[in-house]
């Protein structure tokens, strides 16, 4: 099967379903073993980087990055993977 054939099949499927509203942004968070610190302090998406602000709790940081990556400040590609780092 060629790329052109796949493109045509995908176009037909999208037309039949009304198209794809959007691609999800995937969020990856690594967990540490019991007793180790696994607090997310940095997040990356391609060449974009977010840093947790001083005094910002982890939940607020994750919510801020999630909102920015998924909506207005999302990736230029139709997909993305945000990786949270400790």
N, C-alpha and C. Protein backbone atom coordinates (compact mmCIF):
# COMPACT_ATOMS: atom_id res chain seq x y z
N UNK A 1 0.85 -1.17 0.00
CA UNK A 1 0.00 0.00 0.00
C UNK A 1 0.90 1.24 0.00
N UNK A 2 0.62 2.16 -0.87
CA UNK A 2 1.44 3.36 -0.99
C UNK A 2 0.92 4.48 -0.09
N UNK A 3 1.75 5.49 0.08
CA UNK A 3 1.35 6.64 0.89
C UNK A 3 0.13 7.34 0.28
N UNK A 4 0.09 7.41 -1.05
CA UNK A 4 -1.04 8.05 -1.72
C UNK A 4 -2.34 7.29 -1.46
N UNK A 5 -2.24 5.95 -1.47
CA UNK A 5 -3.42 5.12 -1.19
C UNK A 5 -3.89 5.34 0.24
N UNK A 6 -2.93 5.38 1.17
CA UNK A 6 -3.29 5.62 2.58
C UNK A 6 -3.92 7.00 2.75
N UNK A 7 -3.37 8.00 2.09
CA UNK A 7 -3.93 9.35 2.17
C UNK A 7 -5.36 9.39 1.67
N UNK A 8 -5.62 8.72 0.55
CA UNK A 8 -6.99 8.68 0.00
C UNK A 8 -7.94 7.96 0.96
N UNK A 9 -7.49 6.84 1.51
CA UNK A 9 -8.35 6.09 2.44
C UNK A 9 -8.64 6.92 3.69
N UNK A 10 -7.61 7.59 4.21
CA UNK A 10 -7.80 8.44 5.38
C UNK A 10 -8.76 9.58 5.08
N UNK A 11 -8.62 10.20 3.91
CA UNK A 11 -9.52 11.28 3.51
C UNK A 11 -10.96 10.80 3.45
N UNK A 12 -11.17 9.59 2.90
CA UNK A 12 -12.53 9.04 2.84
C UNK A 12 -13.08 8.76 4.24
N UNK A 13 -12.25 8.21 5.11
CA UNK A 13 -12.70 7.94 6.48
C UNK A 13 -13.05 9.23 7.22
N UNK A 14 -12.19 10.25 7.07
CA UNK A 14 -12.45 11.53 7.73
C UNK A 14 -13.73 12.16 7.20
N UNK A 15 -13.96 12.07 5.89
CA UNK A 15 -15.17 12.63 5.30
C UNK A 15 -16.41 11.90 5.81
N UNK A 16 -16.30 10.60 5.97
CA UNK A 16 -17.43 9.80 6.44
C UNK A 16 -17.77 10.08 7.90
N UNK A 17 -16.78 10.47 8.68
CA UNK A 17 -17.01 10.72 10.11
C UNK A 17 -17.14 12.19 10.43
N UNK A 18 -17.07 13.04 9.42
CA UNK A 18 -17.17 14.48 9.68
C UNK A 18 -15.82 15.11 9.97
N UNK A 19 -14.75 14.37 9.79
CA UNK A 19 -13.42 14.92 10.02
C UNK A 19 -12.96 14.73 11.44
N UNK A 20 -11.72 14.99 11.65
CA UNK A 20 -11.13 14.87 12.98
C UNK A 20 -11.14 16.26 13.60
N UNK A 21 -11.77 16.38 14.76
CA UNK A 21 -11.90 17.68 15.42
C UNK A 21 -10.54 18.19 15.89
N UNK A 22 -9.67 17.33 16.24
CA UNK A 22 -8.35 17.72 16.72
C UNK A 22 -7.63 16.50 17.25
N UNK A 23 -6.35 16.59 17.28
CA UNK A 23 -5.55 15.49 17.79
C UNK A 23 -5.25 15.75 19.26
N UNK A 24 -5.20 14.71 20.05
CA UNK A 24 -4.93 14.93 21.47
C UNK A 24 -3.47 15.27 21.72
N UNK A 25 -3.22 16.00 22.78
CA UNK A 25 -1.87 16.21 23.27
C UNK A 25 -1.66 15.18 24.36
N UNK A 26 -0.59 14.43 24.28
CA UNK A 26 -0.29 13.37 25.23
C UNK A 26 0.62 13.93 26.31
N UNK A 27 0.31 13.63 27.56
CA UNK A 27 1.11 14.09 28.68
C UNK A 27 1.79 12.90 29.34
N UNK A 28 3.12 12.96 29.47
CA UNK A 28 3.90 11.88 30.06
C UNK A 28 4.53 12.38 31.34
N UNK A 29 4.29 11.66 32.41
CA UNK A 29 4.87 12.02 33.70
C UNK A 29 5.52 10.79 34.29
N UNK A 30 6.79 10.90 34.59
CA UNK A 30 7.52 9.78 35.16
C UNK A 30 7.31 9.73 36.66
N UNK A 31 7.14 8.55 37.19
CA UNK A 31 6.94 8.35 38.61
C UNK A 31 8.23 7.79 39.21
N UNK A 32 8.54 8.20 40.42
CA UNK A 32 9.74 7.73 41.10
C UNK A 32 9.37 6.60 42.05
N UNK A 33 10.35 5.77 42.41
CA UNK A 33 10.09 4.72 43.39
C UNK A 33 9.69 5.33 44.73
N UNK A 34 9.06 4.54 45.56
CA UNK A 34 8.61 5.02 46.87
C UNK A 34 9.75 5.71 47.61
N UNK A 35 9.46 6.87 48.16
CA UNK A 35 10.44 7.61 48.94
C UNK A 35 11.27 8.59 48.12
N UNK A 36 11.30 8.46 46.82
CA UNK A 36 12.07 9.38 45.97
C UNK A 36 11.18 10.54 45.53
N UNK A 37 11.79 11.69 45.32
CA UNK A 37 11.05 12.88 44.89
C UNK A 37 10.69 12.76 43.41
N UNK A 38 9.40 12.89 43.10
CA UNK A 38 8.96 12.84 41.70
C UNK A 38 8.19 14.10 41.32
N UNK A 39 8.43 15.19 42.04
CA UNK A 39 7.74 16.44 41.78
C UNK A 39 8.16 16.99 40.42
N UNK A 40 7.19 17.31 39.58
CA UNK A 40 7.46 17.86 38.25
C UNK A 40 7.87 19.32 38.38
N UNK A 41 9.03 19.66 37.85
CA UNK A 41 9.54 21.03 37.90
C UNK A 41 9.70 21.65 36.51
N UNK A 42 9.77 20.81 35.50
CA UNK A 42 9.98 21.25 34.12
C UNK A 42 9.11 20.41 33.20
N UNK A 43 8.64 21.01 32.12
CA UNK A 43 7.89 20.27 31.11
C UNK A 43 8.41 20.68 29.74
N UNK A 44 8.43 19.73 28.81
CA UNK A 44 8.91 20.02 27.46
C UNK A 44 7.91 19.53 26.43
N UNK A 45 7.83 20.26 25.33
CA UNK A 45 7.03 19.88 24.17
C UNK A 45 7.82 20.34 22.96
N UNK A 46 8.47 19.39 22.29
CA UNK A 46 9.31 19.72 21.16
C UNK A 46 10.37 20.71 21.62
N UNK A 47 10.38 21.93 21.08
CA UNK A 47 11.39 22.91 21.50
C UNK A 47 10.86 23.88 22.56
N UNK A 48 9.65 23.66 23.04
CA UNK A 48 9.07 24.51 24.09
C UNK A 48 9.39 23.94 25.46
N UNK A 49 9.66 24.82 26.42
CA UNK A 49 9.98 24.39 27.77
C UNK A 49 9.22 25.28 28.76
N UNK A 50 8.62 24.66 29.75
CA UNK A 50 7.97 25.37 30.84
C UNK A 50 8.71 25.04 32.13
N UNK A 51 8.84 26.03 33.00
CA UNK A 51 9.46 25.82 34.31
C UNK A 51 8.45 26.17 35.38
N UNK A 52 8.47 25.41 36.43
CA UNK A 52 7.57 25.69 37.55
C UNK A 52 8.04 26.96 38.25
N UNK A 53 7.12 27.88 38.45
CA UNK A 53 7.43 29.15 39.09
C UNK A 53 7.69 28.95 40.58
N UNK A 54 8.49 29.82 41.14
CA UNK A 54 8.77 29.75 42.58
C UNK A 54 7.46 29.91 43.35
N UNK A 55 7.19 29.00 44.25
CA UNK A 55 5.98 29.04 45.05
C UNK A 55 4.77 28.41 44.38
N UNK A 56 4.88 28.02 43.12
CA UNK A 56 3.77 27.39 42.39
C UNK A 56 3.71 25.91 42.77
N UNK A 57 2.55 25.46 43.22
CA UNK A 57 2.46 24.03 43.56
C UNK A 57 2.40 23.19 42.29
N UNK A 58 2.69 21.92 42.43
CA UNK A 58 2.80 21.02 41.28
C UNK A 58 1.49 20.91 40.50
N UNK A 59 0.36 20.82 41.20
CA UNK A 59 -0.93 20.71 40.51
C UNK A 59 -1.20 21.94 39.64
N UNK A 60 -0.91 23.12 40.16
CA UNK A 60 -1.11 24.35 39.40
C UNK A 60 -0.19 24.40 38.19
N UNK A 61 1.06 23.96 38.37
CA UNK A 61 2.03 23.91 37.27
C UNK A 61 1.55 22.98 36.16
N UNK A 62 1.11 21.79 36.52
CA UNK A 62 0.64 20.82 35.53
C UNK A 62 -0.60 21.36 34.81
N UNK A 63 -1.51 21.98 35.56
CA UNK A 63 -2.71 22.55 34.94
C UNK A 63 -2.34 23.67 33.96
N UNK A 64 -1.38 24.51 34.34
CA UNK A 64 -0.95 25.61 33.47
C UNK A 64 -0.32 25.08 32.18
N UNK A 65 0.56 24.12 32.30
CA UNK A 65 1.21 23.54 31.12
C UNK A 65 0.18 22.84 30.25
N UNK A 66 -0.72 22.09 30.87
CA UNK A 66 -1.75 21.36 30.12
C UNK A 66 -2.62 22.31 29.32
N UNK A 67 -3.04 23.40 29.93
CA UNK A 67 -3.89 24.37 29.24
C UNK A 67 -3.13 25.04 28.10
N UNK A 68 -1.89 25.42 28.34
CA UNK A 68 -1.11 26.10 27.32
C UNK A 68 -0.78 25.18 26.16
N UNK A 69 -0.43 23.93 26.44
CA UNK A 69 -0.06 22.99 25.38
C UNK A 69 -1.26 22.52 24.58
N UNK A 70 -2.42 22.39 25.22
CA UNK A 70 -3.59 21.85 24.55
C UNK A 70 -4.38 22.90 23.78
N UNK A 71 -4.25 24.15 24.15
CA UNK A 71 -5.08 25.18 23.53
C UNK A 71 -4.25 26.20 22.77
N UNK A 72 -4.32 27.43 23.20
CA UNK A 72 -3.70 28.53 22.46
C UNK A 72 -2.22 28.38 22.17
N UNK A 73 -1.47 27.83 23.09
CA UNK A 73 -0.04 27.73 22.87
C UNK A 73 0.39 26.35 22.44
N UNK A 74 -0.50 25.60 21.81
CA UNK A 74 -0.24 24.22 21.46
C UNK A 74 0.82 24.05 20.40
N UNK A 75 1.15 22.82 20.11
CA UNK A 75 2.20 22.55 19.14
C UNK A 75 1.78 22.95 17.73
N UNK A 76 2.75 23.21 16.89
CA UNK A 76 2.45 23.59 15.52
C UNK A 76 2.04 22.37 14.71
N UNK A 77 2.40 21.20 15.14
CA UNK A 77 1.98 19.96 14.48
C UNK A 77 0.60 19.57 15.00
N UNK A 78 -0.09 18.67 14.32
CA UNK A 78 -1.42 18.28 14.77
C UNK A 78 -1.38 17.31 15.95
N UNK A 79 -0.23 17.11 16.55
CA UNK A 79 -0.11 16.21 17.69
C UNK A 79 1.00 16.75 18.57
N UNK A 80 1.10 16.24 19.75
CA UNK A 80 2.16 16.67 20.64
C UNK A 80 2.28 15.75 21.84
N UNK A 81 3.43 15.76 22.44
CA UNK A 81 3.69 14.97 23.64
C UNK A 81 4.44 15.82 24.63
N UNK A 82 3.80 16.18 25.74
CA UNK A 82 4.43 16.97 26.78
C UNK A 82 5.05 15.99 27.77
N UNK A 83 6.32 16.20 28.10
CA UNK A 83 7.01 15.35 29.07
C UNK A 83 7.32 16.18 30.29
N UNK A 84 6.84 15.73 31.45
CA UNK A 84 7.12 16.40 32.72
C UNK A 84 8.36 15.77 33.33
N UNK A 85 9.30 16.61 33.75
CA UNK A 85 10.55 16.13 34.31
C UNK A 85 10.70 16.60 35.76
N UNK A 86 11.42 15.82 36.53
CA UNK A 86 11.66 16.18 37.94
C UNK A 86 12.92 16.98 38.07
